[in-house]
Amino acid sequence: MAPIRTEAVLLRAHDYGDSSRILRFYTEGHGLLSVVARGIRGRSGKGTATMATFASGELTAYVKSHRDLHTMKDFECKRLRSGLASDVLCFAGASAAAE
């Protein structure tokens, strides 16, 4: 199975197990995608700083059409949007738009 590469915005993140995290992305080519990022919460987890809500970038994932939860290979963050965290009204508006 070949990985897909698409532009994506991170909408939500939930901890899963000891070292993994389930991430929900809105992608340009595939709509909503839920992926599991294995080992991202470990000591040497790569990209933990870029896994903030509403971060946008390029997602690489292994997608199977008959599954709801896919496997993430990489997420290259291009825009972090850290300013949303400091303004409650902007964050609430972005959250409402994402829903």
N, C-alpha and C. Protein backbone atom coordinates (compact mmCIF):
# COMPACT_ATOMS: atom_id res chain seq x y z
N MET A 1 0.85 -1.17 0.00
CA MET A 1 0.00 0.00 0.00
C MET A 1 0.89 1.23 0.00
N ALA A 2 0.65 2.11 -0.91
CA ALA A 2 1.45 3.34 -1.05
C ALA A 2 0.84 4.46 -0.21
N PRO A 3 1.67 5.29 0.40
CA PRO A 3 1.13 6.40 1.19
C PRO A 3 0.59 7.51 0.29
N ILE A 4 -0.42 8.22 0.81
CA ILE A 4 -0.93 9.40 0.11
C ILE A 4 -0.33 10.63 0.75
N ARG A 5 -0.23 11.72 -0.01
CA ARG A 5 0.32 12.98 0.50
C ARG A 5 -0.65 14.08 0.11
N THR A 6 -1.17 14.82 1.11
CA THR A 6 -2.18 15.83 0.85
C THR A 6 -2.06 16.98 1.85
N GLU A 7 -2.55 18.15 1.47
CA GLU A 7 -2.62 19.28 2.39
C GLU A 7 -3.67 18.98 3.44
N ALA A 8 -3.40 19.36 4.71
CA ALA A 8 -4.31 19.03 5.80
C ALA A 8 -4.24 20.07 6.91
N VAL A 9 -5.34 20.15 7.69
CA VAL A 9 -5.42 20.99 8.88
C VAL A 9 -5.79 20.09 10.04
N LEU A 10 -5.03 20.17 11.12
CA LEU A 10 -5.30 19.35 12.31
C LEU A 10 -6.47 19.95 13.09
N LEU A 11 -7.54 19.15 13.27
CA LEU A 11 -8.71 19.63 13.98
C LEU A 11 -8.74 19.20 15.44
N ARG A 12 -8.34 17.96 15.71
CA ARG A 12 -8.37 17.43 17.08
C ARG A 12 -7.26 16.43 17.31
N ALA A 13 -6.89 16.27 18.57
CA ALA A 13 -5.90 15.27 18.96
C ALA A 13 -6.34 14.63 20.27
N HIS A 14 -6.30 13.30 20.32
CA HIS A 14 -6.65 12.54 21.53
C HIS A 14 -5.52 11.57 21.83
N ASP A 15 -5.16 11.46 23.09
CA ASP A 15 -4.15 10.48 23.49
C ASP A 15 -4.72 9.08 23.34
N TYR A 16 -3.85 8.14 22.93
CA TYR A 16 -4.25 6.76 22.71
C TYR A 16 -3.13 5.87 23.22
N GLY A 17 -3.41 5.10 24.24
CA GLY A 17 -2.39 4.22 24.80
C GLY A 17 -1.30 5.03 25.50
N ASP A 18 -0.13 4.41 25.64
CA ASP A 18 0.98 5.05 26.35
C ASP A 18 1.75 6.04 25.49
N SER A 19 1.88 5.77 24.20
CA SER A 19 2.76 6.62 23.40
C SER A 19 2.15 7.11 22.09
N SER A 20 0.91 6.77 21.82
CA SER A 20 0.29 7.15 20.55
C SER A 20 -0.74 8.25 20.73
N ARG A 21 -1.19 8.77 19.61
CA ARG A 21 -2.20 9.82 19.63
C ARG A 21 -3.07 9.65 18.38
N ILE A 22 -4.38 9.82 18.55
CA ILE A 22 -5.29 9.80 17.41
C ILE A 22 -5.53 11.24 16.99
N LEU A 23 -5.33 11.51 15.71
CA LEU A 23 -5.44 12.86 15.17
C LEU A 23 -6.53 12.89 14.12
N ARG A 24 -7.31 13.95 14.12
CA ARG A 24 -8.35 14.13 13.10
C ARG A 24 -7.96 15.32 12.25
N PHE A 25 -7.80 15.06 10.96
CA PHE A 25 -7.40 16.07 9.99
C PHE A 25 -8.54 16.34 9.02
N TYR A 26 -8.61 17.58 8.54
CA TYR A 26 -9.43 17.87 7.38
C TYR A 26 -8.45 18.02 6.22
N THR A 27 -8.61 17.18 5.21
CA THR A 27 -7.67 17.17 4.11
C THR A 27 -8.32 17.72 2.84
N GLU A 28 -7.48 18.17 1.97
CA GLU A 28 -7.94 18.75 0.71
C GLU A 28 -8.50 17.68 -0.23
N GLY A 29 -7.85 16.56 -0.30
CA GLY A 29 -8.24 15.54 -1.26
C GLY A 29 -9.13 14.43 -0.72
N HIS A 30 -9.17 14.23 0.61
CA HIS A 30 -9.88 13.08 1.18
C HIS A 30 -10.90 13.45 2.24
N GLY A 31 -11.16 14.73 2.47
CA GLY A 31 -12.12 15.14 3.49
C GLY A 31 -11.58 14.89 4.89
N LEU A 32 -12.45 14.45 5.81
CA LEU A 32 -12.02 14.16 7.18
C LEU A 32 -11.28 12.83 7.23
N LEU A 33 -10.12 12.85 7.86
CA LEU A 33 -9.32 11.63 8.03
C LEU A 33 -8.91 11.51 9.49
N SER A 34 -9.17 10.36 10.08
CA SER A 34 -8.66 10.06 11.42
C SER A 34 -7.46 9.15 11.26
N VAL A 35 -6.35 9.54 11.88
CA VAL A 35 -5.12 8.76 11.77
C VAL A 35 -4.55 8.49 13.15
N VAL A 36 -3.84 7.40 13.29
CA VAL A 36 -3.14 7.11 14.54
C VAL A 36 -1.66 7.42 14.29
N ALA A 37 -1.09 8.22 15.19
CA ALA A 37 0.32 8.57 15.14
C ALA A 37 1.02 7.77 16.23
N ARG A 38 1.66 6.71 15.84
CA ARG A 38 2.29 5.80 16.81
C ARG A 38 3.61 6.38 17.32
N GLY A 39 3.80 6.32 18.63
CA GLY A 39 5.04 6.74 19.25
C GLY A 39 5.26 8.24 19.33
N ILE A 40 4.26 9.02 19.05
CA ILE A 40 4.44 10.48 19.02
C ILE A 40 4.56 11.08 20.43
N ARG A 41 4.03 10.39 21.43
CA ARG A 41 4.09 10.91 22.79
C ARG A 41 5.28 10.41 23.57
N GLY A 42 6.10 9.56 22.97
CA GLY A 42 7.28 9.05 23.66
C GLY A 42 8.33 10.13 23.84
N ARG A 43 9.40 9.80 24.52
CA ARG A 43 10.48 10.77 24.76
C ARG A 43 11.09 11.30 23.47
N SER A 44 11.23 10.44 22.49
CA SER A 44 11.86 10.87 21.25
C SER A 44 10.83 11.06 20.14
N GLY A 45 9.56 11.30 20.51
CA GLY A 45 8.52 11.50 19.50
C GLY A 45 8.82 12.70 18.63
N LYS A 46 8.80 12.48 17.34
CA LYS A 46 9.10 13.55 16.41
C LYS A 46 7.84 14.35 16.13
N GLY A 47 7.98 15.66 16.06
CA GLY A 47 6.88 16.50 15.65
C GLY A 47 5.84 16.80 16.70
N THR A 48 6.12 16.58 17.98
CA THR A 48 5.12 16.83 18.99
C THR A 48 4.79 18.31 19.12
N ALA A 49 5.73 19.19 18.85
CA ALA A 49 5.47 20.63 18.93
C ALA A 49 4.57 21.09 17.80
N THR A 50 4.60 20.42 16.67
CA THR A 50 3.80 20.84 15.52
C THR A 50 2.41 20.22 15.52
N MET A 51 2.07 19.45 16.53
CA MET A 51 0.76 18.82 16.59
C MET A 51 -0.21 19.65 17.42
N ALA A 52 -0.26 20.95 17.16
CA ALA A 52 -1.18 21.85 17.84
C ALA A 52 -2.46 21.97 17.02
N THR A 53 -3.57 22.25 17.69
CA THR A 53 -4.85 22.41 17.01
C THR A 53 -4.77 23.51 15.96
N PHE A 54 -5.34 23.25 14.80
CA PHE A 54 -5.39 24.14 13.64
C PHE A 54 -4.05 24.34 12.95
N ALA A 55 -3.05 23.52 13.25
CA ALA A 55 -1.80 23.55 12.48
C ALA A 55 -2.09 23.02 11.09
N SER A 56 -1.50 23.62 10.09
CA SER A 56 -1.73 23.15 8.72
C SER A 56 -0.40 22.78 8.09
N GLY A 57 -0.47 21.86 7.16
CA GLY A 57 0.74 21.40 6.50
C GLY A 57 0.45 20.26 5.56
N GLU A 58 1.43 19.43 5.35
CA GLU A 58 1.31 18.31 4.43
C GLU A 58 1.32 16.99 5.20
N LEU A 59 0.26 16.24 5.06
CA LEU A 59 0.08 14.96 5.74
C LEU A 59 0.43 13.82 4.80
N THR A 60 1.22 12.88 5.31
CA THR A 60 1.50 11.64 4.59
C THR A 60 0.95 10.51 5.44
N ALA A 61 0.04 9.73 4.86
CA ALA A 61 -0.61 8.66 5.62
C ALA A 61 -0.89 7.47 4.72
N TYR A 62 -1.00 6.31 5.36
CA TYR A 62 -1.40 5.09 4.67
C TYR A 62 -2.91 4.98 4.82
N VAL A 63 -3.65 5.13 3.72
CA VAL A 63 -5.11 5.16 3.75
C VAL A 63 -5.65 3.92 3.06
N LYS A 64 -6.53 3.21 3.77
CA LYS A 64 -7.24 2.07 3.20
C LYS A 64 -8.72 2.45 3.15
N SER A 65 -9.35 2.18 2.02
CA SER A 65 -10.72 2.62 1.81
C SER A 65 -11.73 1.96 2.74
N HIS A 66 -11.47 0.78 3.24
CA HIS A 66 -12.43 0.07 4.08
C HIS A 66 -12.20 0.30 5.58
N ARG A 67 -11.35 1.25 5.95
CA ARG A 67 -11.08 1.53 7.36
C ARG A 67 -11.46 2.96 7.72
N ASP A 68 -11.77 3.16 9.00
CA ASP A 68 -12.05 4.50 9.50
C ASP A 68 -10.83 5.14 10.15
N LEU A 69 -9.90 4.33 10.65
CA LEU A 69 -8.70 4.82 11.31
C LEU A 69 -7.48 4.40 10.48
N HIS A 70 -6.73 5.36 10.02
CA HIS A 70 -5.59 5.12 9.15
C HIS A 70 -4.29 5.34 9.91
N THR A 71 -3.17 5.06 9.30
CA THR A 71 -1.87 5.19 9.94
C THR A 71 -1.11 6.39 9.37
N MET A 72 -0.65 7.27 10.26
CA MET A 72 0.10 8.44 9.82
C MET A 72 1.56 8.08 9.65
N LYS A 73 2.14 8.54 8.57
CA LYS A 73 3.57 8.37 8.35
C LYS A 73 4.32 9.63 8.77
N ASP A 74 3.81 10.81 8.34
CA ASP A 74 4.50 12.06 8.61
C ASP A 74 3.54 13.23 8.49
N PHE A 75 3.80 14.28 9.24
CA PHE A 75 3.08 15.54 9.09
C PHE A 75 4.10 16.66 9.10
N GLU A 76 4.19 17.35 7.97
CA GLU A 76 5.13 18.46 7.82
C GLU A 76 4.36 19.76 8.01
N CYS A 77 4.54 20.38 9.17
CA CYS A 77 3.80 21.60 9.51
C CYS A 77 4.35 22.79 8.73
N LYS A 78 3.45 23.52 8.09
CA LYS A 78 3.84 24.72 7.35
C LYS A 78 3.39 25.99 8.06
N ARG A 79 2.29 25.89 8.81
CA ARG A 79 1.77 27.05 9.54
C ARG A 79 1.21 26.57 10.88
N LEU A 80 1.71 27.12 11.98
CA LEU A 80 1.34 26.64 13.31
C LEU A 80 0.09 27.31 13.87
N ARG A 81 -0.17 28.55 13.56
CA ARG A 81 -1.32 29.31 14.06
C ARG A 81 -1.36 29.37 15.59
N SER A 82 -0.25 29.72 16.18
CA SER A 82 -0.17 29.81 17.65
C SER A 82 -0.93 31.02 18.18
N GLY A 83 -1.25 32.00 17.36
CA GLY A 83 -2.00 33.17 17.79
C GLY A 83 -3.43 32.85 18.20
N LEU A 84 -3.99 31.75 17.70
CA LEU A 84 -5.35 31.37 18.08
C LEU A 84 -5.44 31.00 19.55
N ALA A 85 -4.37 30.48 20.11
CA ALA A 85 -4.39 30.07 21.52
C ALA A 85 -4.48 31.25 22.46
N SER A 86 -4.03 32.42 22.04
CA SER A 86 -4.04 33.58 22.92
C SER A 86 -5.34 34.38 22.85
N ASP A 87 -6.16 34.19 21.83
CA ASP A 87 -7.41 34.93 21.67
C ASP A 87 -8.59 33.96 21.72
N VAL A 88 -9.37 34.04 22.79
CA VAL A 88 -10.47 33.11 23.01
C VAL A 88 -11.54 33.22 21.93
N LEU A 89 -11.87 34.42 21.51
CA LEU A 89 -12.90 34.60 20.50
C LEU A 89 -12.47 34.03 19.14
N CYS A 90 -11.24 34.24 18.76
CA CYS A 90 -10.73 33.68 17.50
C CYS A 90 -10.70 32.17 17.57
N PHE A 91 -10.30 31.61 18.71
CA PHE A 91 -10.27 30.15 18.86
C PHE A 91 -11.68 29.57 18.78
N ALA A 92 -12.64 30.24 19.43
CA ALA A 92 -14.03 29.77 19.40
C ALA A 92 -14.59 29.83 17.97
N GLY A 93 -14.27 30.89 17.24
CA GLY A 93 -14.73 30.99 15.86
C GLY A 93 -14.12 29.92 14.97
N ALA A 94 -12.83 29.66 15.15
CA ALA A 94 -12.17 28.62 14.36
C ALA A 94 -12.73 27.25 14.70
N SER A 95 -13.03 27.00 15.98
CA SER A 95 -13.60 25.72 16.40
C SER A 95 -15.00 25.52 15.81
N ALA A 96 -15.80 26.60 15.81
CA ALA A 96 -17.14 26.50 15.24
C ALA A 96 -17.07 26.25 13.73
N ALA A 97 -16.14 26.89 13.06
CA ALA A 97 -15.99 26.66 11.62
C ALA A 97 -15.52 25.24 11.33
N ALA A 98 -14.68 24.69 12.18
CA ALA A 98 -14.18 23.33 11.99
C ALA A 98 -15.26 22.28 12.19
N GLU A 99 -16.18 22.55 13.11
CA GLU A 99 -17.28 21.61 13.36
C GLU A 99 -18.22 21.59 12.17
